[in-house]
Amino acid sequence: MNIVDRLLTIVITATITSAVWIVAGGSLMELASQRQGEESLRPAEAAPSPETSETAAAPGEVASTTAAPLDPAPTPTPTEEPAGLRIPVMNVRASDLSDTFMEAREEEGGRPHEALDIMAPQGTSVVAAAPGTVAKLHRSAAGGNSIYVRSQDKETIHFYAHLDEYAEGLREGQRVRRGQRLGTVGSTGNASPETPHLHFAILRTTADAEWWEPANAVNPYPLLAGE
């Protein structure tokens, strides 16, 4: 065999060998890739499905399969009572209310009352008419045991006065929900012991005003009686 034949044989052999390795290598790479893909789909490593709930797990955490507890059911209220503002004395219906907002008070020089007197037996529970924050627990000669609850937007104050006592644990700065117990009906301050009641006032203010600064009184009667 001459030199030319030998060179031709070497070239052909090398070409066939390279082709075999290319085909075999491609098959091995495809198999390895497929195996890697199967490993990534194991339950412990696969990415979780997108959460539709607001309580989705944070990255790296396992989403809980237990539903978050629901808020306690709201306390049933009389059918006449509007949804926005709750009558702040238990067992009192809208039909039991009387509009005392413009009644003159002799002890205040004939000044309009600018509040609603809600009559009830002493010790009856007083509850929050709306959610807010306890701005002040105040004791005075006129109002007796009183509570100032400021609305969430800080532009409304609900004033509860003549309370017999405060609810246990109630404190300034505490957030209260609508219907939460604040205390009990009484006759502290200048209220007559013969007519225990809750003095309830609504005061419109500004977000930057203090609880004790002058505010515009709003008649609670139409809001509670649904008129």
C-alpha atoms as a PDB file:
ATOM      1  CA  MET A   1       0.000   0.000   0.000  1.00  0.00           C
ATOM      2  CA  ASN A   2       1.432   3.303  -1.088  1.00  0.00           C
ATOM      3  CA  ILE A   3       1.479   6.474   0.965  1.00  0.00           C
ATOM      4  CA  VAL A   4      -1.625   7.951  -0.701  1.00  0.00           C
ATOM      5  CA  ASP A   5      -3.730   4.868   0.104  1.00  0.00           C
ATOM      6  CA  ARG A   6      -2.566   4.955   3.718  1.00  0.00           C
ATOM      7  CA  LEU A   7      -3.489   8.620   4.140  1.00  0.00           C
ATOM      8  CA  LEU A   8      -6.919   8.020   2.595  1.00  0.00           C
ATOM      9  CA  THR A   9      -7.556   5.115   4.961  1.00  0.00           C
ATOM     10  CA  ILE A  10      -6.592   7.227   8.005  1.00  0.00           C
ATOM     11  CA  VAL A  11      -8.895  10.098   6.946  1.00  0.00           C
ATOM     12  CA  ILE A  12     -11.865   7.769   6.370  1.00  0.00           C
ATOM     13  CA  THR A  13     -11.320   5.977   9.703  1.00  0.00           C
ATOM     14  CA  ALA A  14     -11.094   9.279  11.614  1.00  0.00           C
ATOM     15  CA  THR A  15     -14.256  10.609   9.966  1.00  0.00           C
ATOM     16  CA  ILE A  16     -16.266   7.471  10.816  1.00  0.00           C
ATOM     17  CA  THR A  17     -14.973   7.483  14.401  1.00  0.00           C
ATOM     18  CA  SER A  18     -15.879  11.167  14.890  1.00  0.00           C
ATOM     19  CA  ALA A  19     -19.386  10.605  13.546  1.00  0.00           C
ATOM     20  CA  VAL A  20     -19.934   7.701  15.942  1.00  0.00           C
ATOM     21  CA  TRP A  21     -18.785   9.787  18.918  1.00  0.00           C
ATOM     22  CA  ILE A  22     -20.962  12.742  17.901  1.00  0.00           C
ATOM     23  CA  VAL A  23     -24.096  10.561  17.703  1.00  0.00           C
ATOM     24  CA  ALA A  24     -23.308   8.713  20.924  1.00  0.00           C
ATOM     25  CA  GLY A  25     -22.423  11.917  22.793  1.00  0.00           C
ATOM     26  CA  GLY A  26     -25.624  13.628  21.722  1.00  0.00           C
ATOM     27  CA  SER A  27     -27.700  10.715  22.988  1.00  0.00           C
ATOM     28  CA  LEU A  28     -25.904  10.717  26.341  1.00  0.00           C
ATOM     29  CA  MET A  29     -26.386  14.483  26.761  1.00  0.00           C
ATOM     30  CA  GLU A  30     -30.094  14.228  25.943  1.00  0.00           C
ATOM     31  CA  LEU A  31     -30.503  11.411  28.472  1.00  0.00           C
ATOM     32  CA  ALA A  32     -28.689  13.389  31.166  1.00  0.00           C
ATOM     33  CA  SER A  33     -30.793  16.468  30.507  1.00  0.00           C
ATOM     34  CA  GLN A  34     -33.993  14.448  30.717  1.00  0.00           C
ATOM     35  CA  ARG A  35     -32.859  12.911  34.012  1.00  0.00           C
ATOM     36  CA  GLN A  36     -32.043  16.347  35.441  1.00  0.00           C
ATOM     37  CA  GLY A  37     -35.484  17.591  34.444  1.00  0.00           C
ATOM     38  CA  GLU A  38     -37.153  14.686  36.206  1.00  0.00           C
ATOM     39  CA  GLU A  39     -35.181  15.373  39.392  1.00  0.00           C
ATOM     40  CA  SER A  40     -36.278  19.060  39.419  1.00  0.00           C
ATOM     41  CA  LEU A  41     -39.953  18.043  39.521  1.00  0.00           C
ATOM     42  CA  ARG A  42     -39.712  16.268  42.848  1.00  0.00           C
ATOM     43  CA  PRO A  43     -42.405  17.677  45.247  1.00  0.00           C
ATOM     44  CA  ALA A  44     -39.835  19.020  47.692  1.00  0.00           C
ATOM     45  CA  GLU A  45     -37.999  20.999  45.020  1.00  0.00           C
ATOM     46  CA  ALA A  46     -40.640  21.949  42.464  1.00  0.00           C
ATOM     47  CA  ALA A  47     -41.880  25.520  42.536  1.00  0.00           C
ATOM     48  CA  PRO A  48     -45.309  25.787  44.219  1.00  0.00           C
ATOM     49  CA  SER A  49     -48.380  26.830  42.267  1.00  0.00           C
ATOM     50  CA  PRO A  50     -49.223  30.545  42.436  1.00  0.00           C
ATOM     51  CA  GLU A  51     -51.206  31.403  45.557  1.00  0.00           C
ATOM     52  CA  THR A  52     -54.618  33.010  45.063  1.00  0.00           C
ATOM     53  CA  SER A  53     -55.072  33.782  48.741  1.00  0.00           C
ATOM     54  CA  GLU A  54     -53.766  36.909  50.479  1.00  0.00           C
ATOM     55  CA  THR A  55     -52.101  34.585  52.983  1.00  0.00           C
ATOM     56  CA  ALA A  56     -49.652  33.063  50.479  1.00  0.00           C
ATOM     57  CA  ALA A  57     -46.437  31.730  51.969  1.00  0.00           C
ATOM     58  CA  ALA A  58     -43.321  33.872  51.769  1.00  0.00           C
ATOM     59  CA  PRO A  59     -40.456  32.732  49.509  1.00  0.00           C
ATOM     60  CA  GLY A  60     -38.716  29.712  51.008  1.00  0.00           C
ATOM     61  CA  GLU A  61     -41.662  28.856  53.278  1.00  0.00           C
ATOM     62  CA  VAL A  62     -44.158  26.038  52.862  1.00  0.00           C
ATOM     63  CA  ALA A  63     -47.705  27.280  52.359  1.00  0.00           C
ATOM     64  CA  SER A  64     -50.043  26.109  55.087  1.00  0.00           C
ATOM     65  CA  THR A  65     -52.992  23.938  54.134  1.00  0.00           C
ATOM     66  CA  THR A  66     -54.979  25.150  57.152  1.00  0.00           C
ATOM     67  CA  ALA A  67     -57.331  28.058  56.497  1.00  0.00           C
ATOM     68  CA  ALA A  68     -56.829  31.165  58.592  1.00  0.00           C
ATOM     69  CA  PRO A  69     -59.444  31.503  61.376  1.00  0.00           C
ATOM     70  CA  LEU A  70     -62.350  33.783  60.627  1.00  0.00           C
ATOM     71  CA  ASP A  71     -63.084  36.888  62.658  1.00  0.00           C
ATOM     72  CA  PRO A  72     -65.638  36.336  65.410  1.00  0.00           C
ATOM     73  CA  ALA A  73     -69.210  36.715  64.210  1.00  0.00           C
ATOM     74  CA  PRO A  74     -70.559  40.225  64.837  1.00  0.00           C
ATOM     75  CA  THR A  75     -73.038  40.661  67.650  1.00  0.00           C
ATOM     76  CA  PRO A  76     -76.601  40.678  66.263  1.00  0.00           C
ATOM     77  CA  THR A  77     -78.185  44.123  66.292  1.00  0.00           C
ATOM     78  CA  PRO A  78     -81.810  45.273  66.137  1.00  0.00           C
ATOM     79  CA  THR A  79     -83.314  45.260  62.657  1.00  0.00           C
ATOM     80  CA  GLU A  80     -84.087  48.981  62.781  1.00  0.00           C
ATOM     81  CA  GLU A  81     -80.452  49.862  63.411  1.00  0.00           C
ATOM     82  CA  PRO A  82     -78.461  51.136  60.397  1.00  0.00           C
ATOM     83  CA  ALA A  83     -75.297  49.236  59.505  1.00  0.00           C
ATOM     84  CA  GLY A  84     -72.942  52.222  59.749  1.00  0.00           C
ATOM     85  CA  LEU A  85     -73.405  53.257  63.371  1.00  0.00           C
ATOM     86  CA  ARG A  86     -74.440  50.926  66.163  1.00  0.00           C
ATOM     87  CA  ILE A  87     -76.705  51.967  69.035  1.00  0.00           C
ATOM     88  CA  PRO A  88     -74.128  52.114  71.837  1.00  0.00           C
ATOM     89  CA  VAL A  89     -76.319  50.633  74.591  1.00  0.00           C
ATOM     90  CA  MET A  90     -77.250  46.963  74.620  1.00  0.00           C
ATOM     91  CA  ASN A  91     -80.917  45.972  74.298  1.00  0.00           C
ATOM     92  CA  VAL A  92     -81.961  49.457  73.128  1.00  0.00           C
ATOM     93  CA  ARG A  93     -83.818  49.676  69.813  1.00  0.00           C
ATOM     94  CA  ALA A  94     -84.108  52.604  67.455  1.00  0.00           C
ATOM     95  CA  SER A  95     -87.747  53.001  68.454  1.00  0.00           C
ATOM     96  CA  ASP A  96     -86.668  53.473  72.087  1.00  0.00           C
ATOM     97  CA  LEU A  97     -84.600  56.574  71.307  1.00  0.00           C
ATOM     98  CA  SER A  98     -85.681  60.174  71.832  1.00  0.00           C
ATOM     99  CA  ASP A  99     -84.095  63.180  70.126  1.00  0.00           C
ATOM    100  CA  THR A 100     -82.561  65.246  72.949  1.00  0.00           C
ATOM    101  CA  PHE A 101     -79.967  67.016  70.808  1.00  0.00           C
ATOM    102  CA  MET A 102     -81.542  70.491  70.926  1.00  0.00           C
ATOM    103  CA  GLU A 103     -82.981  70.312  74.438  1.00  0.00           C
ATOM    104  CA  ALA A 104     -81.810  73.219  76.599  1.00  0.00           C
ATOM    105  CA  ARG A 105     -79.856  72.436  79.752  1.00  0.00           C
ATOM    106  CA  GLU A 106     -80.583  74.789  82.650  1.00  0.00           C
ATOM    107  CA  GLU A 107     -77.347  73.865  84.423  1.00  0.00           C
ATOM    108  CA  GLU A 108     -75.485  75.094  81.332  1.00  0.00           C
ATOM    109  CA  GLY A 109     -77.330  78.397  81.014  1.00  0.00           C
ATOM    110  CA  GLY A 110     -79.916  77.125  78.564  1.00  0.00           C
ATOM    111  CA  ARG A 111     -77.311  75.840  76.143  1.00  0.00           C
ATOM    112  CA  PRO A 112     -78.468  73.060  73.730  1.00  0.00           C
ATOM    113  CA  HIS A 113     -77.660  69.579  74.907  1.00  0.00           C
ATOM    114  CA  GLU A 114     -75.879  68.610  71.643  1.00  0.00           C
ATOM    115  CA  ALA A 115     -75.957  64.932  72.567  1.00  0.00           C
ATOM    116  CA  LEU A 116     -78.294  61.991  72.846  1.00  0.00           C
ATOM    117  CA  ASP A 117     -79.385  60.648  76.227  1.00  0.00           C
ATOM    118  CA  ILE A 118     -79.984  56.913  75.918  1.00  0.00           C
ATOM    119  CA  MET A 119     -81.953  55.683  78.894  1.00  0.00           C
ATOM    120  CA  ALA A 120     -81.190  52.226  80.303  1.00  0.00           C
ATOM    121  CA  PRO A 121     -80.933  50.489  83.678  1.00  0.00           C
ATOM    122  CA  GLN A 122     -77.719  51.001  85.584  1.00  0.00           C
ATOM    123  CA  GLY A 123     -75.157  48.371  84.711  1.00  0.00           C
ATOM    124  CA  THR A 124     -76.381  47.878  81.131  1.00  0.00           C
ATOM    125  CA  SER A 125     -73.443  47.331  78.788  1.00  0.00           C
ATOM    126  CA  VAL A 126     -72.204  50.288  76.745  1.00  0.00           C
ATOM    127  CA  VAL A 127     -70.583  49.286  73.453  1.00  0.00           C
ATOM    128  CA  ALA A 128     -68.636  51.125  70.768  1.00  0.00           C
ATOM    129  CA  ALA A 129     -70.887  52.699  68.148  1.00  0.00           C
ATOM    130  CA  ALA A 130     -68.094  52.407  65.584  1.00  0.00           C
ATOM    131  CA  PRO A 131     -64.464  51.265  65.451  1.00  0.00           C
ATOM    132  CA  GLY A 132     -61.746  53.626  66.615  1.00  0.00           C
ATOM    133  CA  THR A 133     -59.066  54.315  69.206  1.00  0.00           C
ATOM    134  CA  VAL A 134     -59.575  55.286  72.837  1.00  0.00           C
ATOM    135  CA  ALA A 135     -58.193  58.819  72.858  1.00  0.00           C
ATOM    136  CA  LYS A 136     -58.984  59.594  76.491  1.00  0.00           C
ATOM    137  CA  LEU A 137     -60.505  58.104  79.628  1.00  0.00           C
ATOM    138  CA  HIS A 138     -61.704  61.215  81.429  1.00  0.00           C
ATOM    139  CA  ARG A 139     -63.390  61.867  84.770  1.00  0.00           C
ATOM    140  CA  SER A 140     -65.091  65.204  85.335  1.00  0.00           C
ATOM    141  CA  ALA A 141     -67.717  66.789  87.575  1.00  0.00           C
ATOM    142  CA  ALA A 142     -70.132  67.104  84.658  1.00  0.00           C
ATOM    143  CA  GLY A 143     -69.576  63.962  82.602  1.00  0.00           C
ATOM    144  CA  GLY A 144     -68.433  61.622  85.341  1.00  0.00           C
ATOM    145  CA  ASN A 145     -66.689  58.582  83.927  1.00  0.00           C
ATOM    146  CA  SER A 146     -66.288  59.402  80.233  1.00  0.00           C
ATOM    147  CA  ILE A 147     -64.616  57.974  77.132  1.00  0.00           C
ATOM    148  CA  TYR A 148     -63.439  59.720  73.979  1.00  0.00           C
ATOM    149  CA  VAL A 149     -63.112  57.275  71.054  1.00  0.00           C
ATOM    150  CA  ARG A 150     -61.541  58.682  67.906  1.00  0.00           C
ATOM    151  CA  SER A 151     -62.422  57.314  64.469  1.00  0.00           C
ATOM    152  CA  GLN A 152     -59.858  55.624  62.262  1.00  0.00           C
ATOM    153  CA  ASP A 153     -59.525  58.721  60.064  1.00  0.00           C
ATOM    154  CA  LYS A 154     -59.197  60.863  63.249  1.00  0.00           C
ATOM    155  CA  GLU A 155     -61.915  63.264  62.075  1.00  0.00           C
ATOM    156  CA  THR A 156     -64.735  62.063  64.337  1.00  0.00           C
ATOM    157  CA  ILE A 157     -64.902  61.625  68.109  1.00  0.00           C
ATOM    158  CA  HIS A 158     -67.575  59.578  69.856  1.00  0.00           C
ATOM    159  CA  PHE A 159     -68.088  60.739  73.434  1.00  0.00           C
ATOM    160  CA  TYR A 160     -69.573  58.403  76.055  1.00  0.00           C
ATOM    161  CA  ALA A 161     -70.387  59.914  79.477  1.00  0.00           C
ATOM    162  CA  HIS A 162     -72.000  59.185  82.874  1.00  0.00           C
ATOM    163  CA  LEU A 163     -70.638  55.629  82.825  1.00  0.00           C
ATOM    164  CA  ASP A 164     -70.965  53.639  86.017  1.00  0.00           C
ATOM    165  CA  GLU A 165     -67.652  51.917  85.315  1.00  0.00           C
ATOM    166  CA  TYR A 166     -65.200  51.191  82.527  1.00  0.00           C
ATOM    167  CA  ALA A 167     -64.819  47.775  80.939  1.00  0.00           C
ATOM    168  CA  GLU A 168     -62.029  45.770  82.539  1.00  0.00           C
ATOM    169  CA  GLY A 169     -58.722  46.358  80.796  1.00  0.00           C
ATOM    170  CA  LEU A 170     -59.888  49.373  78.795  1.00  0.00           C
ATOM    171  CA  ARG A 171     -57.029  51.834  78.344  1.00  0.00           C
ATOM    172  CA  GLU A 172     -56.023  54.912  76.370  1.00  0.00           C
ATOM    173  CA  GLY A 173     -54.521  54.155  72.978  1.00  0.00           C
ATOM    174  CA  GLN A 174     -56.446  50.892  72.694  1.00  0.00           C
ATOM    175  CA  ARG A 175     -58.152  50.143  69.389  1.00  0.00           C
ATOM    176  CA  VAL A 176     -61.757  49.060  69.718  1.00  0.00           C
ATOM    177  CA  ARG A 177     -64.061  47.423  67.205  1.00  0.00           C
ATOM    178  CA  ARG A 178     -67.696  48.225  66.527  1.00  0.00           C
ATOM    179  CA  GLY A 179     -69.803  46.605  69.240  1.00  0.00           C
ATOM    180  CA  GLN A 180     -66.923  46.106  71.688  1.00  0.00           C
ATOM    181  CA  ARG A 181     -67.905  46.595  75.338  1.00  0.00           C
ATOM    182  CA  LEU A 182     -66.628  49.866  76.781  1.00  0.00           C
ATOM    183  CA  GLY A 183     -68.324  49.977  80.160  1.00  0.00           C
ATOM    184  CA  THR A 184     -71.744  50.210  81.791  1.00  0.00           C
ATOM    185  CA  VAL A 185     -74.573  52.728  81.995  1.00  0.00           C
ATOM    186  CA  GLY A 186     -74.562  54.831  85.151  1.00  0.00           C
ATOM    187  CA  SER A 187     -75.259  58.250  86.609  1.00  0.00           C
ATOM    188  CA  THR A 188     -71.799  59.565  87.457  1.00  0.00           C
ATOM    189  CA  GLY A 189     -71.119  63.282  87.073  1.00  0.00           C
ATOM    190  CA  ASN A 190     -74.149  65.562  87.093  1.00  0.00           C
ATOM    191  CA  ALA A 191     -76.631  62.860  85.988  1.00  0.00           C
ATOM    192  CA  SER A 192     -79.530  62.049  88.319  1.00  0.00           C
ATOM    193  CA  PRO A 193     -79.243  58.705  90.110  1.00  0.00           C
ATOM    194  CA  GLU A 194     -82.943  58.246  89.391  1.00  0.00           C
ATOM    195  CA  THR A 195     -82.411  58.296  85.606  1.00  0.00           C
ATOM    196  CA  PRO A 196     -79.240  56.413  84.691  1.00  0.00           C
ATOM    197  CA  HIS A 197     -78.378  56.851  81.030  1.00  0.00           C
ATOM    198  CA  LEU A 198     -75.603  57.138  78.487  1.00  0.00           C
ATOM    199  CA  HIS A 199     -74.773  60.620  77.243  1.00  0.00           C
ATOM    200  CA  PHE A 200     -73.631  59.993  73.664  1.00  0.00           C
ATOM    201  CA  ALA A 201     -72.209  62.745  71.450  1.00  0.00           C
ATOM    202  CA  ILE A 202     -70.659  62.838  67.992  1.00  0.00           C
ATOM    203  CA  LEU A 203     -68.019  65.503  67.396  1.00  0.00           C
ATOM    204  CA  ARG A 204     -66.551  66.411  64.016  1.00  0.00           C
ATOM    205  CA  THR A 205     -62.943  67.559  64.279  1.00  0.00           C
ATOM    206  CA  THR A 206     -59.736  67.581  62.248  1.00  0.00           C
ATOM    207  CA  ALA A 207     -57.033  64.963  62.157  1.00  0.00           C
ATOM    208  CA  ASP A 208     -54.456  67.243  63.771  1.00  0.00           C
ATOM    209  CA  ALA A 209     -56.723  68.516  66.591  1.00  0.00           C
ATOM    210  CA  GLU A 210     -56.461  67.176  70.148  1.00  0.00           C
ATOM    211  CA  TRP A 211     -59.354  65.340  71.781  1.00  0.00           C
ATOM    212  CA  TRP A 212     -60.098  68.276  74.067  1.00  0.00           C
ATOM    213  CA  GLU A 213     -60.129  71.001  71.407  1.00  0.00           C
ATOM    214  CA  PRO A 214     -63.464  72.517  70.255  1.00  0.00           C
ATOM    215  CA  ALA A 215     -65.354  70.430  67.700  1.00  0.00           C
ATOM    216  CA  ASN A 216     -68.665  70.610  65.857  1.00  0.00           C
ATOM    217  CA  ALA A 217     -71.435  68.504  67.365  1.00  0.00           C
ATOM    218  CA  VAL A 218     -73.534  66.312  65.074  1.00  0.00           C
ATOM    219  CA  ASN A 219     -76.964  65.033  66.068  1.00  0.00           C
ATOM    220  CA  PRO A 220     -76.663  61.253  66.655  1.00  0.00           C
ATOM    221  CA  TYR A 221     -80.420  60.677  66.586  1.00  0.00           C
ATOM    222  CA  PRO A 222     -80.974  60.526  62.801  1.00  0.00           C
ATOM    223  CA  LEU A 223     -77.933  58.306  62.419  1.00  0.00           C
ATOM    224  CA  LEU A 224     -79.075  55.826  65.061  1.00  0.00           C
ATOM    225  CA  ALA A 225     -82.802  55.990  64.392  1.00  0.00           C
ATOM    226  CA  GLY A 226     -82.376  55.690  60.638  1.00  0.00           C
ATOM    227  CA  GLU A 227     -84.137  58.945  59.817  1.00  0.00           C
END
